[in-house]
Amino acid sequence: CSDTIRIGSLSQLKYLSLGGNMLTNVPGNRELSILTSFTRCRMLEELYLSQNLLNGILPASVGNLTATLSKLDLFSNQIEGTIPLALANLTKLISLKLSSYKIK
């Protein structure tokens, strides 16, 4: 069982900061699968994954993150591509940090 799956099972988790930990993607996966692992954290309000080694594209599943999410911090990674329309599903989101990206 990977660490991200264990974290995803923490249904009462409200705040998670994993910035600056050299986190990477699953080898060979172009999408940021780490985000999908948090979709079961239904109480999550703040998620900080900045300054890691995450690369690839934001998956459409980012829109399946909890409706309680107010802050999503992904700056200073190596993310590229377009911002998924599904991000609009995060209706409580007040802070989104995506700086230092190759976003189209």
N, C-alpha and C. Protein backbone atom coordinates (compact mmCIF):
# COMPACT_ATOMS: atom_id res chain seq x y z
N CYS A 1 0.86 -1.18 0.00
CA CYS A 1 0.00 0.00 0.00
C CYS A 1 0.91 1.25 0.00
N SER A 2 0.68 2.15 -0.93
CA SER A 2 1.54 3.34 -0.99
C SER A 2 1.12 4.36 0.06
N ASP A 3 2.03 5.27 0.37
CA ASP A 3 1.74 6.29 1.38
C ASP A 3 0.57 7.17 0.97
N THR A 4 0.43 7.50 -0.31
CA THR A 4 -0.66 8.37 -0.73
C THR A 4 -2.01 7.70 -0.54
N ILE A 5 -2.09 6.39 -0.70
CA ILE A 5 -3.35 5.69 -0.47
C ILE A 5 -3.69 5.72 1.02
N ARG A 6 -2.73 5.55 1.88
CA ARG A 6 -2.98 5.63 3.31
C ARG A 6 -3.47 7.02 3.70
N ILE A 7 -2.86 8.05 3.16
CA ILE A 7 -3.29 9.42 3.46
C ILE A 7 -4.72 9.63 2.96
N GLY A 8 -5.03 9.10 1.80
CA GLY A 8 -6.37 9.23 1.24
C GLY A 8 -7.46 8.60 2.09
N SER A 9 -7.09 7.67 2.94
CA SER A 9 -8.08 7.01 3.79
C SER A 9 -8.37 7.80 5.07
N LEU A 10 -7.71 8.91 5.26
CA LEU A 10 -7.93 9.75 6.46
C LEU A 10 -9.13 10.66 6.23
N SER A 11 -10.31 10.12 6.42
CA SER A 11 -11.53 10.83 6.07
C SER A 11 -11.79 12.08 6.90
N GLN A 12 -11.17 12.23 8.05
CA GLN A 12 -11.38 13.40 8.90
C GLN A 12 -10.28 14.46 8.76
N LEU A 13 -9.33 14.21 7.87
CA LEU A 13 -8.20 15.13 7.67
C LEU A 13 -8.69 16.48 7.17
N LYS A 14 -8.25 17.58 7.81
CA LYS A 14 -8.65 18.92 7.42
C LYS A 14 -7.51 19.73 6.82
N TYR A 15 -6.28 19.47 7.23
CA TYR A 15 -5.13 20.28 6.83
C TYR A 15 -3.96 19.36 6.56
N LEU A 16 -3.33 19.52 5.39
CA LEU A 16 -2.16 18.70 5.09
C LEU A 16 -1.14 19.56 4.37
N SER A 17 0.06 19.60 4.90
CA SER A 17 1.16 20.33 4.30
C SER A 17 2.31 19.37 4.04
N LEU A 18 2.60 19.15 2.76
CA LEU A 18 3.70 18.28 2.35
C LEU A 18 4.67 19.03 1.45
N GLY A 19 4.72 20.34 1.60
CA GLY A 19 5.60 21.17 0.78
C GLY A 19 7.07 20.89 1.05
N GLY A 20 7.88 20.97 0.00
CA GLY A 20 9.32 20.84 0.14
C GLY A 20 9.80 19.46 0.53
N ASN A 21 9.09 18.42 0.10
CA ASN A 21 9.45 17.05 0.49
C ASN A 21 9.96 16.19 -0.66
N MET A 22 10.23 16.77 -1.80
CA MET A 22 10.73 16.04 -2.96
C MET A 22 9.77 14.95 -3.43
N LEU A 23 8.46 15.17 -3.26
CA LEU A 23 7.46 14.22 -3.75
C LEU A 23 7.52 14.18 -5.27
N THR A 24 7.30 13.01 -5.84
CA THR A 24 7.31 12.84 -7.29
C THR A 24 6.04 12.10 -7.72
N ASN A 25 5.83 12.05 -9.03
CA ASN A 25 4.72 11.28 -9.59
C ASN A 25 5.03 9.80 -9.58
N VAL A 26 3.99 9.01 -9.81
CA VAL A 26 4.19 7.59 -10.07
C VAL A 26 4.94 7.51 -11.40
N PRO A 27 6.05 6.78 -11.46
CA PRO A 27 6.83 6.70 -12.71
C PRO A 27 5.96 6.30 -13.91
N GLY A 28 6.12 7.03 -15.00
CA GLY A 28 5.38 6.75 -16.23
C GLY A 28 3.99 7.34 -16.28
N ASN A 29 3.53 7.97 -15.21
CA ASN A 29 2.19 8.56 -15.18
C ASN A 29 2.30 10.05 -15.45
N ARG A 30 1.64 10.55 -16.49
CA ARG A 30 1.70 11.96 -16.83
C ARG A 30 0.78 12.82 -15.97
N GLU A 31 -0.20 12.22 -15.32
CA GLU A 31 -1.12 12.98 -14.47
C GLU A 31 -0.62 12.96 -13.03
N LEU A 32 -0.99 13.99 -12.31
CA LEU A 32 -0.62 14.07 -10.89
C LEU A 32 -1.56 13.18 -10.08
N SER A 33 -1.25 11.90 -10.03
CA SER A 33 -2.12 10.94 -9.36
C SER A 33 -2.20 11.17 -7.86
N ILE A 34 -1.24 11.87 -7.30
CA ILE A 34 -1.28 12.17 -5.86
C ILE A 34 -2.56 12.93 -5.51
N LEU A 35 -3.04 13.78 -6.41
CA LEU A 35 -4.26 14.54 -6.14
C LEU A 35 -5.48 13.63 -6.06
N THR A 36 -5.52 12.62 -6.91
CA THR A 36 -6.63 11.68 -6.89
C THR A 36 -6.72 10.96 -5.55
N SER A 37 -5.59 10.72 -4.93
CA SER A 37 -5.60 10.00 -3.65
C SER A 37 -6.28 10.80 -2.53
N PHE A 38 -6.43 12.10 -2.70
CA PHE A 38 -7.06 12.92 -1.66
C PHE A 38 -8.57 13.07 -1.84
N THR A 39 -9.15 12.49 -2.88
CA THR A 39 -10.58 12.67 -3.13
C THR A 39 -11.45 12.03 -2.04
N ARG A 40 -10.90 11.11 -1.28
CA ARG A 40 -11.67 10.49 -0.19
C ARG A 40 -11.52 11.24 1.13
N CYS A 41 -10.69 12.25 1.17
CA CYS A 41 -10.53 13.08 2.38
C CYS A 41 -11.64 14.13 2.35
N ARG A 42 -12.83 13.75 2.73
CA ARG A 42 -14.02 14.58 2.55
C ARG A 42 -14.05 15.84 3.42
N MET A 43 -13.20 15.94 4.43
CA MET A 43 -13.18 17.11 5.30
C MET A 43 -12.02 18.06 4.98
N LEU A 44 -11.21 17.71 4.00
CA LEU A 44 -10.00 18.46 3.69
C LEU A 44 -10.32 19.90 3.31
N GLU A 45 -9.69 20.85 3.99
CA GLU A 45 -9.89 22.27 3.75
C GLU A 45 -8.66 22.92 3.12
N GLU A 46 -7.46 22.45 3.47
CA GLU A 46 -6.24 23.06 2.97
C GLU A 46 -5.25 21.97 2.58
N LEU A 47 -4.72 22.07 1.35
CA LEU A 47 -3.76 21.09 0.85
C LEU A 47 -2.57 21.83 0.26
N TYR A 48 -1.40 21.61 0.83
CA TYR A 48 -0.18 22.28 0.41
C TYR A 48 0.82 21.24 -0.13
N LEU A 49 1.10 21.30 -1.42
CA LEU A 49 2.04 20.39 -2.07
C LEU A 49 3.10 21.17 -2.83
N SER A 50 3.38 22.38 -2.41
CA SER A 50 4.33 23.24 -3.12
C SER A 50 5.77 22.77 -2.95
N GLN A 51 6.61 23.22 -3.85
CA GLN A 51 8.05 23.00 -3.82
C GLN A 51 8.41 21.52 -3.70
N ASN A 52 7.82 20.73 -4.58
CA ASN A 52 8.14 19.31 -4.69
C ASN A 52 8.66 19.06 -6.09
N LEU A 53 8.73 17.82 -6.50
CA LEU A 53 9.20 17.46 -7.84
C LEU A 53 8.06 16.87 -8.67
N LEU A 54 6.84 17.32 -8.39
CA LEU A 54 5.68 16.83 -9.12
C LEU A 54 5.73 17.38 -10.54
N ASN A 55 5.51 16.53 -11.52
CA ASN A 55 5.51 16.99 -12.91
C ASN A 55 4.38 16.32 -13.67
N GLY A 56 4.03 16.92 -14.78
CA GLY A 56 2.94 16.37 -15.58
C GLY A 56 1.78 17.33 -15.64
N ILE A 57 0.59 16.78 -15.80
CA ILE A 57 -0.60 17.61 -15.96
C ILE A 57 -1.55 17.43 -14.78
N LEU A 58 -2.35 18.46 -14.55
CA LEU A 58 -3.39 18.37 -13.52
C LEU A 58 -4.50 17.47 -14.06
N PRO A 59 -4.88 16.42 -13.36
CA PRO A 59 -5.93 15.53 -13.85
C PRO A 59 -7.31 16.17 -13.66
N ALA A 60 -8.26 15.75 -14.47
CA ALA A 60 -9.63 16.22 -14.32
C ALA A 60 -10.17 15.85 -12.94
N SER A 61 -9.63 14.80 -12.33
CA SER A 61 -10.10 14.36 -11.01
C SER A 61 -9.83 15.40 -9.93
N VAL A 62 -9.05 16.45 -10.23
CA VAL A 62 -8.84 17.52 -9.26
C VAL A 62 -10.19 18.13 -8.89
N GLY A 63 -11.14 18.08 -9.78
CA GLY A 63 -12.49 18.59 -9.50
C GLY A 63 -13.28 17.72 -8.56
N ASN A 64 -12.77 16.53 -8.26
CA ASN A 64 -13.44 15.62 -7.34
C ASN A 64 -12.91 15.76 -5.91
N LEU A 65 -11.99 16.68 -5.70
CA LEU A 65 -11.54 16.93 -4.33
C LEU A 65 -12.73 17.44 -3.54
N THR A 66 -12.66 17.39 -2.27
CA THR A 66 -13.79 17.74 -1.41
C THR A 66 -14.33 19.15 -1.66
N ALA A 67 -15.62 19.29 -1.50
CA ALA A 67 -16.27 20.59 -1.65
C ALA A 67 -15.88 21.55 -0.54
N THR A 68 -15.22 21.06 0.51
CA THR A 68 -14.81 21.93 1.61
C THR A 68 -13.42 22.54 1.37
N LEU A 69 -12.74 22.15 0.31
CA LEU A 69 -11.39 22.64 0.06
C LEU A 69 -11.38 24.14 -0.22
N SER A 70 -10.64 24.88 0.58
CA SER A 70 -10.57 26.33 0.39
C SER A 70 -9.20 26.79 -0.11
N LYS A 71 -8.15 25.99 0.14
CA LYS A 71 -6.81 26.37 -0.29
C LYS A 71 -6.11 25.18 -0.94
N LEU A 72 -5.60 25.41 -2.14
CA LEU A 72 -4.84 24.39 -2.86
C LEU A 72 -3.56 25.04 -3.35
N ASP A 73 -2.45 24.59 -2.84
CA ASP A 73 -1.15 25.20 -3.11
C ASP A 73 -0.26 24.19 -3.82
N LEU A 74 0.00 24.45 -5.10
CA LEU A 74 0.82 23.55 -5.92
C LEU A 74 1.99 24.29 -6.56
N PHE A 75 2.34 25.48 -6.08
CA PHE A 75 3.37 26.27 -6.75
C PHE A 75 4.74 25.62 -6.65
N SER A 76 5.61 26.02 -7.56
CA SER A 76 7.00 25.56 -7.61
C SER A 76 7.11 24.04 -7.76
N ASN A 77 6.36 23.50 -8.69
CA ASN A 77 6.50 22.12 -9.12
C ASN A 77 6.79 22.19 -10.62
N GLN A 78 6.63 21.12 -11.32
CA GLN A 78 6.90 21.11 -12.75
C GLN A 78 5.65 20.69 -13.52
N ILE A 79 4.55 21.36 -13.22
CA ILE A 79 3.27 21.04 -13.83
C ILE A 79 3.12 21.81 -15.12
N GLU A 80 2.50 21.17 -16.10
CA GLU A 80 2.30 21.80 -17.40
C GLU A 80 0.92 21.45 -17.93
N GLY A 81 0.59 22.02 -19.07
CA GLY A 81 -0.69 21.74 -19.70
C GLY A 81 -1.74 22.78 -19.37
N THR A 82 -2.99 22.38 -19.46
CA THR A 82 -4.10 23.30 -19.22
C THR A 82 -4.70 23.06 -17.84
N ILE A 83 -5.40 24.06 -17.36
CA ILE A 83 -6.10 23.93 -16.08
C ILE A 83 -7.44 23.26 -16.38
N PRO A 84 -7.73 22.12 -15.76
CA PRO A 84 -8.97 21.40 -16.05
C PRO A 84 -10.22 22.21 -15.68
N LEU A 85 -11.23 22.14 -16.53
CA LEU A 85 -12.50 22.82 -16.24
C LEU A 85 -13.13 22.28 -14.95
N ALA A 86 -12.84 21.04 -14.61
CA ALA A 86 -13.40 20.42 -13.41
C ALA A 86 -12.99 21.16 -12.14
N LEU A 87 -11.97 21.99 -12.22
CA LEU A 87 -11.55 22.77 -11.05
C LEU A 87 -12.69 23.68 -10.57
N ALA A 88 -13.60 24.01 -11.46
CA ALA A 88 -14.75 24.84 -11.10
C ALA A 88 -15.68 24.15 -10.11
N ASN A 89 -15.55 22.84 -9.95
CA ASN A 89 -16.36 22.10 -8.98
C ASN A 89 -15.99 22.43 -7.54
N LEU A 90 -14.82 22.99 -7.34
CA LEU A 90 -14.35 23.32 -5.99
C LEU A 90 -14.90 24.68 -5.59
N THR A 91 -16.16 24.71 -5.25
CA THR A 91 -16.89 25.96 -5.05
C THR A 91 -16.45 26.75 -3.82
N LYS A 92 -15.78 26.13 -2.85
CA LYS A 92 -15.31 26.85 -1.67
C LYS A 92 -13.86 27.31 -1.81
N LEU A 93 -13.25 27.02 -2.95
CA LEU A 93 -11.84 27.35 -3.16
C LEU A 93 -11.66 28.87 -3.20
N ILE A 94 -10.82 29.40 -2.29
CA ILE A 94 -10.55 30.84 -2.27
C ILE A 94 -9.09 31.14 -2.59
N SER A 95 -8.23 30.11 -2.53
CA SER A 95 -6.81 30.32 -2.82
C SER A 95 -6.29 29.15 -3.64
N LEU A 96 -5.77 29.49 -4.83
CA LEU A 96 -5.19 28.49 -5.73
C LEU A 96 -3.85 29.02 -6.19
N LYS A 97 -2.77 28.33 -5.85
CA LYS A 97 -1.44 28.78 -6.22
C LYS A 97 -0.83 27.80 -7.22
N LEU A 98 -0.63 28.28 -8.44
CA LEU A 98 -0.07 27.47 -9.52
C LEU A 98 1.11 28.17 -10.18
N SER A 99 1.81 29.04 -9.48
CA SER A 99 2.91 29.76 -10.09
C SER A 99 4.08 28.84 -10.42
N SER A 100 4.94 29.29 -11.30
CA SER A 100 6.12 28.55 -11.76
C SER A 100 5.73 27.32 -12.57
N TYR A 101 4.74 27.49 -13.45
CA TYR A 101 4.24 26.40 -14.28
C TYR A 101 4.37 26.70 -15.75
N LYS A 102 4.21 25.67 -16.54
CA LYS A 102 4.11 25.78 -17.99
C LYS A 102 2.67 25.54 -18.37
N ILE A 103 1.78 26.38 -17.87
CA ILE A 103 0.34 26.21 -18.09
C ILE A 103 -0.07 27.00 -19.33
N LYS A 104 -0.92 26.37 -20.11
CA LYS A 104 -1.41 27.00 -21.35
C LYS A 104 -2.76 27.60 -21.13
